[in-house]
């Protein structure tokens, strides 16, 4: 199982305790994705960032839904 998170470098200059918001998902559970494919986008400190698949696989679970917030290190999507 591959856990997809917001890359650590995007959190580098962000204060501890700050949360991000899932803006949209472009995939749904059980979709097949390719490495580098855009899965969705999030907003962190007023900036939108795309989330990409680190590897090819199948979306097993979307862990954070649209309009939900999440903290640093949270698994957003699980791929197999």
PDB file of N, CA and C in Angstrom:
ATOM      1  N   UNK A   1       0.857  -1.177   0.000  1.00  0.00           N
ATOM      2  CA  UNK A   1       0.000   0.000   0.000  1.00  0.00           C
ATOM      3  C   UNK A   1       0.900   1.235   0.000  1.00  0.00           C
ATOM      4  N   UNK A   2       0.587   2.204  -0.850  1.00  0.00           N
ATOM      5  CA  UNK A   2       1.317   3.470  -0.900  1.00  0.00           C
ATOM      6  C   UNK A   2       0.430   4.587  -0.371  1.00  0.00           C
ATOM      7  N   UNK A   3       0.887   5.238   0.677  1.00  0.00           N
ATOM      8  CA  UNK A   3       0.165   6.356   1.261  1.00  0.00           C
ATOM      9  C   UNK A   3       0.589   7.641   0.566  1.00  0.00           C
ATOM     10  N   UNK A   4      -0.376   8.384   0.046  1.00  0.00           N
ATOM     11  CA  UNK A   4      -0.096   9.656  -0.615  1.00  0.00           C
ATOM     12  C   UNK A   4      -0.351  10.770   0.390  1.00  0.00           C
ATOM     13  N   UNK A   5       0.681  11.590   0.618  1.00  0.00           N
ATOM     14  CA  UNK A   5       0.585  12.719   1.531  1.00  0.00           C
ATOM     15  C   UNK A   5       1.002  13.987   0.803  1.00  0.00           C
ATOM     16  N   UNK A   6       0.764  15.122   1.401  1.00  0.00           N
ATOM     17  CA  UNK A   6       1.253  16.384   0.859  1.00  0.00           C
ATOM     18  C   UNK A   6       2.760  16.411   1.095  1.00  0.00           C
ATOM     19  N   UNK A   7       3.560  16.641   0.051  1.00  0.00           N
ATOM     20  CA  UNK A   7       5.018  16.591   0.198  1.00  0.00           C
ATOM     21  C   UNK A   7       5.549  17.478   1.326  1.00  0.00           C
ATOM     22  N   UNK A   8       6.531  16.958   2.042  1.00  0.00           N
ATOM     23  CA  UNK A   8       7.110  17.653   3.198  1.00  0.00           C
ATOM     24  C   UNK A   8       7.635  19.038   2.849  1.00  0.00           C
ATOM     25  N   UNK A   9       8.184  19.201   1.631  1.00  0.00           N
ATOM     26  CA  UNK A   9       8.746  20.511   1.270  1.00  0.00           C
ATOM     27  C   UNK A   9       7.683  21.608   1.216  1.00  0.00           C
ATOM     28  N   UNK A  10       6.421  21.249   0.991  1.00  0.00           N
ATOM     29  CA  UNK A  10       5.362  22.263   0.977  1.00  0.00           C
ATOM     30  C   UNK A  10       5.047  22.755   2.384  1.00  0.00           C
ATOM     31  N   UNK A  11       5.374  21.946   3.382  1.00  0.00           N
ATOM     32  CA  UNK A  11       5.126  22.316   4.780  1.00  0.00           C
ATOM     33  C   UNK A  11       6.328  23.048   5.397  1.00  0.00           C
ATOM     34  N   UNK A  12       7.422  23.155   4.674  1.00  0.00           N
ATOM     35  CA  UNK A  12       8.684  23.647   5.229  1.00  0.00           C
ATOM     36  C   UNK A  12       8.568  24.994   5.946  1.00  0.00           C
ATOM     37  N   UNK A  13       7.872  25.940   5.365  1.00  0.00           N
ATOM     38  CA  UNK A  13       7.784  27.280   5.961  1.00  0.00           C
ATOM     39  C   UNK A  13       6.439  27.546   6.626  1.00  0.00           C
ATOM     40  N   UNK A  14       5.730  26.475   6.953  1.00  0.00           N
ATOM     41  CA  UNK A  14       4.393  26.592   7.535  1.00  0.00           C
ATOM     42  C   UNK A  14       4.468  26.344   9.032  1.00  0.00           C
ATOM     43  N   UNK A  15       3.790  27.180   9.806  1.00  0.00           N
ATOM     44  CA  UNK A  15       3.769  27.035  11.261  1.00  0.00           C
ATOM     45  C   UNK A  15       3.149  25.710  11.680  1.00  0.00           C
ATOM     46  N   UNK A  16       3.682  25.114  12.746  1.00  0.00           N
ATOM     47  CA  UNK A  16       3.101  23.899  13.318  1.00  0.00           C
ATOM     48  C   UNK A  16       1.641  24.181  13.664  1.00  0.00           C
ATOM     49  N   UNK A  17       0.794  23.202  13.459  1.00  0.00           N
ATOM     50  CA  UNK A  17      -0.623  23.352  13.776  1.00  0.00           C
ATOM     51  C   UNK A  17      -1.456  23.876  12.618  1.00  0.00           C
ATOM     52  N   UNK A  18      -0.807  24.368  11.563  1.00  0.00           N
ATOM     53  CA  UNK A  18      -1.531  24.848  10.387  1.00  0.00           C
ATOM     54  C   UNK A  18      -2.092  23.647   9.639  1.00  0.00           C
ATOM     55  N   UNK A  19      -3.305  23.775   9.155  1.00  0.00           N
ATOM     56  CA  UNK A  19      -3.922  22.694   8.389  1.00  0.00           C
ATOM     57  C   UNK A  19      -4.126  23.117   6.945  1.00  0.00           C
ATOM     58  N   UNK A  20      -4.222  22.139   6.065  1.00  0.00           N
ATOM     59  CA  UNK A  20      -4.514  22.359   4.653  1.00  0.00           C
ATOM     60  C   UNK A  20      -5.938  21.876   4.387  1.00  0.00           C
ATOM     61  N   UNK A  21      -6.478  22.205   3.217  1.00  0.00           N
ATOM     62  CA  UNK A  21      -7.846  21.879   2.841  1.00  0.00           C
ATOM     63  C   UNK A  21      -7.851  21.160   1.502  1.00  0.00           C
ATOM     64  N   UNK A  22      -8.566  20.039   1.412  1.00  0.00           N
ATOM     65  CA  UNK A  22      -8.721  19.359   0.123  1.00  0.00           C
ATOM     66  C   UNK A  22      -9.690  20.188  -0.713  1.00  0.00           C
ATOM     67  N   UNK A  23      -9.222  20.621  -1.871  1.00  0.00           N
ATOM     68  CA  UNK A  23     -10.006  21.457  -2.772  1.00  0.00           C
ATOM     69  C   UNK A  23     -10.834  20.597  -3.740  1.00  0.00           C
ATOM     70  N   UNK A  24     -10.194  19.559  -4.319  1.00  0.00           N
ATOM     71  CA  UNK A  24     -10.905  18.668  -5.240  1.00  0.00           C
ATOM     72  C   UNK A  24     -10.140  17.368  -5.407  1.00  0.00           C
ATOM     73  N   UNK A  25     -10.865  16.325  -5.773  1.00  0.00           N
ATOM     74  CA  UNK A  25     -10.274  15.067  -6.210  1.00  0.00           C
ATOM     75  C   UNK A  25     -10.651  14.870  -7.665  1.00  0.00           C
ATOM     76  N   UNK A  26      -9.696  14.469  -8.484  1.00  0.00           N
ATOM     77  CA  UNK A  26      -9.935  14.185  -9.898  1.00  0.00           C
ATOM     78  C   UNK A  26     -10.062  12.683 -10.150  1.00  0.00           C
ATOM     79  N   UNK A  27      -9.959  11.913  -9.090  1.00  0.00           N
ATOM     80  CA  UNK A  27     -10.090  10.457  -9.169  1.00  0.00           C
ATOM     81  C   UNK A  27     -11.098  10.008  -8.128  1.00  0.00           C
ATOM     82  N   UNK A  28     -11.524   8.772  -8.274  1.00  0.00           N
ATOM     83  CA  UNK A  28     -12.409   8.180  -7.269  1.00  0.00           C
ATOM     84  C   UNK A  28     -11.850   6.808  -6.891  1.00  0.00           C
ATOM     85  N   UNK A  29     -12.367   6.252  -5.826  1.00  0.00           N
ATOM     86  CA  UNK A  29     -11.893   4.951  -5.378  1.00  0.00           C
ATOM     87  C   UNK A  29     -12.055   3.916  -6.490  1.00  0.00           C
ATOM     88  N   UNK A  30     -11.063   3.061  -6.624  1.00  0.00           N
ATOM     89  CA  UNK A  30     -10.975   1.975  -7.608  1.00  0.00           C
ATOM     90  C   UNK A  30     -10.504   2.438  -8.984  1.00  0.00           C
ATOM     91  N   UNK A  31     -10.238   3.746  -9.168  1.00  0.00           N
ATOM     92  CA  UNK A  31      -9.652   4.217 -10.427  1.00  0.00           C
ATOM     93  C   UNK A  31      -8.215   3.736 -10.535  1.00  0.00           C
ATOM     94  N   UNK A  32      -7.777   3.437 -11.741  1.00  0.00           N
ATOM     95  CA  UNK A  32      -6.378   3.110 -12.017  1.00  0.00           C
ATOM     96  C   UNK A  32      -5.671   4.402 -12.380  1.00  0.00           C
ATOM     97  N   UNK A  33      -4.483   4.632 -11.800  1.00  0.00           N
ATOM     98  CA  UNK A  33      -3.730   5.857 -12.052  1.00  0.00           C
ATOM     99  C   UNK A  33      -2.310   5.526 -12.491  1.00  0.00           C
ATOM    100  N   UNK A  34      -1.684   6.484 -13.158  1.00  0.00           N
ATOM    101  CA  UNK A  34      -0.296   6.335 -13.586  1.00  0.00           C
ATOM    102  C   UNK A  34       0.594   7.197 -12.696  1.00  0.00           C
ATOM    103  N   UNK A  35       1.862   6.835 -12.617  1.00  0.00           N
ATOM    104  CA  UNK A  35       2.809   7.631 -11.831  1.00  0.00           C
ATOM    105  C   UNK A  35       2.849   9.045 -12.386  1.00  0.00           C
ATOM    106  N   UNK A  36       2.753  10.031 -11.528  1.00  0.00           N
ATOM    107  CA  UNK A  36       2.784  11.430 -11.934  1.00  0.00           C
ATOM    108  C   UNK A  36       1.431  12.018 -12.281  1.00  0.00           C
ATOM    109  N   UNK A  37       0.403  11.182 -12.338  1.00  0.00           N
ATOM    110  CA  UNK A  37      -0.946  11.668 -12.659  1.00  0.00           C
ATOM    111  C   UNK A  37      -1.455  12.567 -11.539  1.00  0.00           C
ATOM    112  N   UNK A  38      -2.118  13.661 -11.910  1.00  0.00           N
ATOM    113  CA  UNK A  38      -2.707  14.554 -10.916  1.00  0.00           C
ATOM    114  C   UNK A  38      -3.937  13.872 -10.322  1.00  0.00           C
ATOM    115  N   UNK A  39      -3.936  13.742  -9.001  1.00  0.00           N
ATOM    116  CA  UNK A  39      -5.038  13.103  -8.292  1.00  0.00           C
ATOM    117  C   UNK A  39      -6.057  14.113  -7.794  1.00  0.00           C
ATOM    118  N   UNK A  40      -5.589  15.325  -7.494  1.00  0.00           N
ATOM    119  CA  UNK A  40      -6.468  16.359  -6.958  1.00  0.00           C
ATOM    120  C   UNK A  40      -5.653  17.566  -6.560  1.00  0.00           C
ATOM    121  N   UNK A  41      -6.289  18.460  -5.807  1.00  0.00           N
ATOM    122  CA  UNK A  41      -5.578  19.652  -5.350  1.00  0.00           C
ATOM    123  C   UNK A  41      -5.982  20.001  -3.928  1.00  0.00           C
ATOM    124  N   UNK A  42      -5.060  20.679  -3.250  1.00  0.00           N
ATOM    125  CA  UNK A  42      -5.270  21.133  -1.880  1.00  0.00           C
ATOM    126  C   UNK A  42      -4.865  22.589  -1.776  1.00  0.00           C
ATOM    127  N   UNK A  43      -5.361  23.244  -0.736  1.00  0.00           N
ATOM    128  CA  UNK A  43      -4.985  24.625  -0.461  1.00  0.00           C
ATOM    129  C   UNK A  43      -4.224  24.629   0.860  1.00  0.00           C
ATOM    130  N   UNK A  44      -3.036  25.228   0.829  1.00  0.00           N
ATOM    131  CA  UNK A  44      -2.210  25.362   2.024  1.00  0.00           C
ATOM    132  C   UNK A  44      -1.733  26.806   2.072  1.00  0.00           C
ATOM    133  N   UNK A  45      -2.114  27.512   3.118  1.00  0.00           N
ATOM    134  CA  UNK A  45      -1.750  28.916   3.318  1.00  0.00           C
ATOM    135  C   UNK A  45      -2.039  29.731   2.046  1.00  0.00           C
ATOM    136  N   UNK A  46      -3.280  29.673   1.603  1.00  0.00           N
ATOM    137  CA  UNK A  46      -3.792  30.458   0.476  1.00  0.00           C
ATOM    138  C   UNK A  46      -3.183  30.123  -0.878  1.00  0.00           C
ATOM    139  N   UNK A  47      -2.441  29.016  -0.972  1.00  0.00           N
ATOM    140  CA  UNK A  47      -1.857  28.574  -2.242  1.00  0.00           C
ATOM    141  C   UNK A  47      -2.405  27.202  -2.592  1.00  0.00           C
ATOM    142  N   UNK A  48      -2.763  27.021  -3.860  1.00  0.00           N
ATOM    143  CA  UNK A  48      -3.275  25.745  -4.335  1.00  0.00           C
ATOM    144  C   UNK A  48      -2.111  24.885  -4.830  1.00  0.00           C
ATOM    145  N   UNK A  49      -2.140  23.596  -4.497  1.00  0.00           N
ATOM    146  CA  UNK A  49      -1.090  22.658  -4.888  1.00  0.00           C
ATOM    147  C   UNK A  49      -1.729  21.385  -5.430  1.00  0.00           C
ATOM    148  N   UNK A  50      -1.183  20.862  -6.532  1.00  0.00           N
ATOM    149  CA  UNK A  50      -1.659  19.600  -7.073  1.00  0.00           C
ATOM    150  C   UNK A  50      -1.035  18.432  -6.318  1.00  0.00           C
ATOM    151  N   UNK A  51      -1.818  17.382  -6.152  1.00  0.00           N
ATOM    152  CA  UNK A  51      -1.344  16.144  -5.550  1.00  0.00           C
ATOM    153  C   UNK A  51      -1.186  15.146  -6.693  1.00  0.00           C
ATOM    154  N   UNK A  52      -0.004  14.560  -6.816  1.00  0.00           N
ATOM    155  CA  UNK A  52       0.237  13.602  -7.892  1.00  0.00           C
ATOM    156  C   UNK A  52       0.513  12.213  -7.331  1.00  0.00           C
ATOM    157  N   UNK A  53       0.253  11.220  -8.156  1.00  0.00           N
ATOM    158  CA  UNK A  53       0.493   9.834  -7.767  1.00  0.00           C
ATOM    159  C   UNK A  53       2.000   9.560  -7.789  1.00  0.00           C
ATOM    160  N   UNK A  54       2.564   9.063  -6.697  1.00  0.00           N
ATOM    161  CA  UNK A  54       3.994   8.759  -6.674  1.00  0.00           C
ATOM    162  C   UNK A  54       4.335   7.513  -7.492  1.00  0.00           C
ATOM    163  N   UNK A  55       3.357   6.636  -7.668  1.00  0.00           N
ATOM    164  CA  UNK A  55       3.531   5.382  -8.406  1.00  0.00           C
ATOM    165  C   UNK A  55       2.237   5.070  -9.152  1.00  0.00           C
ATOM    166  N   UNK A  56       2.322   4.175 -10.128  1.00  0.00           N
ATOM    167  CA  UNK A  56       1.113   3.687 -10.787  1.00  0.00           C
ATOM    168  C   UNK A  56       0.392   2.732  -9.840  1.00  0.00           C
ATOM    169  N   UNK A  57      -0.918   2.677  -9.944  1.00  0.00           N
ATOM    170  CA  UNK A  57      -1.672   1.756  -9.105  1.00  0.00           C
ATOM    171  C   UNK A  57      -3.158   2.008  -9.176  1.00  0.00           C
ATOM    172  N   UNK A  58      -3.841   1.534  -8.159  1.00  0.00           N
ATOM    173  CA  UNK A  58      -5.289   1.684  -8.050  1.00  0.00           C
ATOM    174  C   UNK A  58      -5.615   2.433  -6.771  1.00  0.00           C
ATOM    175  N   UNK A  59      -6.527   3.387  -6.861  1.00  0.00           N
ATOM    176  CA  UNK A  59      -6.963   4.135  -5.681  1.00  0.00           C
ATOM    177  C   UNK A  59      -7.781   3.188  -4.813  1.00  0.00           C
ATOM    178  N   UNK A  60      -7.251   2.861  -3.646  1.00  0.00           N
ATOM    179  CA  UNK A  60      -7.948   1.969  -2.718  1.00  0.00           C
ATOM    180  C   UNK A  60      -8.901   2.740  -1.813  1.00  0.00           C
ATOM    181  N   UNK A  61      -8.428   3.912  -1.357  1.00  0.00           N
ATOM    182  CA  UNK A  61      -9.253   4.668  -0.416  1.00  0.00           C
ATOM    183  C   UNK A  61      -8.886   6.136  -0.473  1.00  0.00           C
ATOM    184  N   UNK A  62      -9.893   6.992  -0.503  1.00  0.00           N
ATOM    185  CA  UNK A  62      -9.695   8.431  -0.337  1.00  0.00           C
ATOM    186  C   UNK A  62      -9.919   8.699   1.141  1.00  0.00           C
ATOM    187  N   UNK A  63      -8.868   9.123   1.822  1.00  0.00           N
ATOM    188  CA  UNK A  63      -8.898   9.240   3.287  1.00  0.00           C
ATOM    189  C   UNK A  63      -9.408  10.597   3.777  1.00  0.00           C
ATOM    190  N   UNK A  64      -9.225  11.647   2.976  1.00  0.00           N
ATOM    191  CA  UNK A  64      -9.676  12.992   3.338  1.00  0.00           C
ATOM    192  C   UNK A  64     -10.572  13.487   2.209  1.00  0.00           C
ATOM    193  N   UNK A  65     -11.793  13.833   2.540  1.00  0.00           N
ATOM    194  CA  UNK A  65     -12.778  14.230   1.535  1.00  0.00           C
ATOM    195  C   UNK A  65     -12.657  15.710   1.171  1.00  0.00           C
ATOM    196  N   UNK A  66     -13.271  16.086   0.055  1.00  0.00           N
ATOM    197  CA  UNK A  66     -13.301  17.483  -0.394  1.00  0.00           C
ATOM    198  C   UNK A  66     -13.909  18.349   0.709  1.00  0.00           C
ATOM    199  N   UNK A  67     -13.294  19.513   0.919  1.00  0.00           N
ATOM    200  CA  UNK A  67     -13.692  20.500   1.934  1.00  0.00           C
ATOM    201  C   UNK A  67     -13.289  20.111   3.353  1.00  0.00           C
ATOM    202  N   UNK A  68     -12.596  18.980   3.523  1.00  0.00           N
ATOM    203  CA  UNK A  68     -12.082  18.615   4.843  1.00  0.00           C
ATOM    204  C   UNK A  68     -10.657  19.133   4.985  1.00  0.00           C
ATOM    205  N   UNK A  69     -10.277  19.461   6.216  1.00  0.00           N
ATOM    206  CA  UNK A  69      -8.915  19.902   6.494  1.00  0.00           C
ATOM    207  C   UNK A  69      -8.089  18.735   7.001  1.00  0.00           C
ATOM    208  N   UNK A  70      -6.770  18.903   6.907  1.00  0.00           N
ATOM    209  CA  UNK A  70      -5.869  17.852   7.364  1.00  0.00           C
ATOM    210  C   UNK A  70      -4.557  18.470   7.825  1.00  0.00           C
ATOM    211  N   UNK A  71      -3.855  17.736   8.680  1.00  0.00           N
ATOM    212  CA  UNK A  71      -2.590  18.186   9.250  1.00  0.00           C
ATOM    213  C   UNK A  71      -1.409  17.599   8.487  1.00  0.00           C
ATOM    214  N   UNK A  72      -0.253  18.138   8.750  1.00  0.00           N
ATOM    215  CA  UNK A  72       1.008  17.644   8.194  1.00  0.00           C
ATOM    216  C   UNK A  72       1.122  16.137   8.427  1.00  0.00           C
ATOM    217  N   UNK A  73       1.507  15.399   7.375  1.00  0.00           N
ATOM    218  CA  UNK A  73       1.729  13.964   7.480  1.00  0.00           C
ATOM    219  C   UNK A  73       0.492  13.090   7.311  1.00  0.00           C
ATOM    220  N   UNK A  74      -0.668  13.691   7.142  1.00  0.00           N
ATOM    221  CA  UNK A  74      -1.903  12.925   6.986  1.00  0.00           C
ATOM    222  C   UNK A  74      -1.929  12.193   5.640  1.00  0.00           C
ATOM    223  N   UNK A  75      -2.341  10.931   5.654  1.00  0.00           N
ATOM    224  CA  UNK A  75      -2.528  10.188   4.407  1.00  0.00           C
ATOM    225  C   UNK A  75      -3.784  10.708   3.724  1.00  0.00           C
ATOM    226  N   UNK A  76      -3.640  11.142   2.476  1.00  0.00           N
ATOM    227  CA  UNK A  76      -4.763  11.681   1.712  1.00  0.00           C
ATOM    228  C   UNK A  76      -5.461  10.598   0.901  1.00  0.00           C
ATOM    229  N   UNK A  77      -4.660   9.767   0.249  1.00  0.00           N
ATOM    230  CA  UNK A  77      -5.158   8.675  -0.596  1.00  0.00           C
ATOM    231  C   UNK A  77      -4.251   7.467  -0.395  1.00  0.00           C
ATOM    232  N   UNK A  78      -4.831   6.284  -0.455  1.00  0.00           N
ATOM    233  CA  UNK A  78      -4.056   5.050  -0.424  1.00  0.00           C
ATOM    234  C   UNK A  78      -4.117   4.398  -1.807  1.00  0.00           C
ATOM    235  N   UNK A  79      -2.942   4.066  -2.348  1.00  0.00           N
ATOM    236  CA  UNK A  79      -2.838   3.380  -3.648  1.00  0.00           C
ATOM    237  C   UNK A  79      -2.281   1.985  -3.433  1.00  0.00           C
ATOM    238  N   UNK A  80      -2.736   1.055  -4.271  1.00  0.00           N
ATOM    239  CA  UNK A  80      -2.133  -0.289  -4.233  1.00  0.00           C
ATOM    240  C   UNK A  80      -1.555  -0.596  -5.602  1.00  0.00           C
TER     241      UNK A  80
END
